[in-house]
């Protein structure tokens, strides 16, 4: 019997009560200390059948702002890892200088080839932020964010 290539898509972020405008967000998360990573949201992707990971496609959207400072710089990045393993950056850290107090939406998308520490099922994905000012960074993840997995199963 040959290998079957399976495609599995999840929209695992920002689940909860339905909204009147059709857009759901995760709970807002705030930074505490300056320069300290805070996890905004973390999910585990576990397709119904397991196999060998071929490729992962991401469409990830979040919104960022400062709590009350006009001069706060916010840094964010999306990461993934084999369940319980070491985190792998999905892109370089993004710095939003003087982000302001109005939410700014940012998306990161594309196909990610497997690498050491992110090459098996199940896996975890998270968004982390930090801010250069104490208790000023704030972020949330949009419900339209998705993860599409291509893998082979016997």
Foldseek 3Di string as FASTA:
>chain_A
DDKDKDKDKDLPFQDDDADPVRKGKHDKDWAAAAPDKDWQDKDKDADPDFFWFFKKKKKWKKKKAWQADQFKKKKKFKWKFAVPFDTDTPDDIDIDGSRHHDIDMDIDIDMDGADPRRTTPTMMMTMMMGIRHGGIMMMITISVIMMMTIGIDD
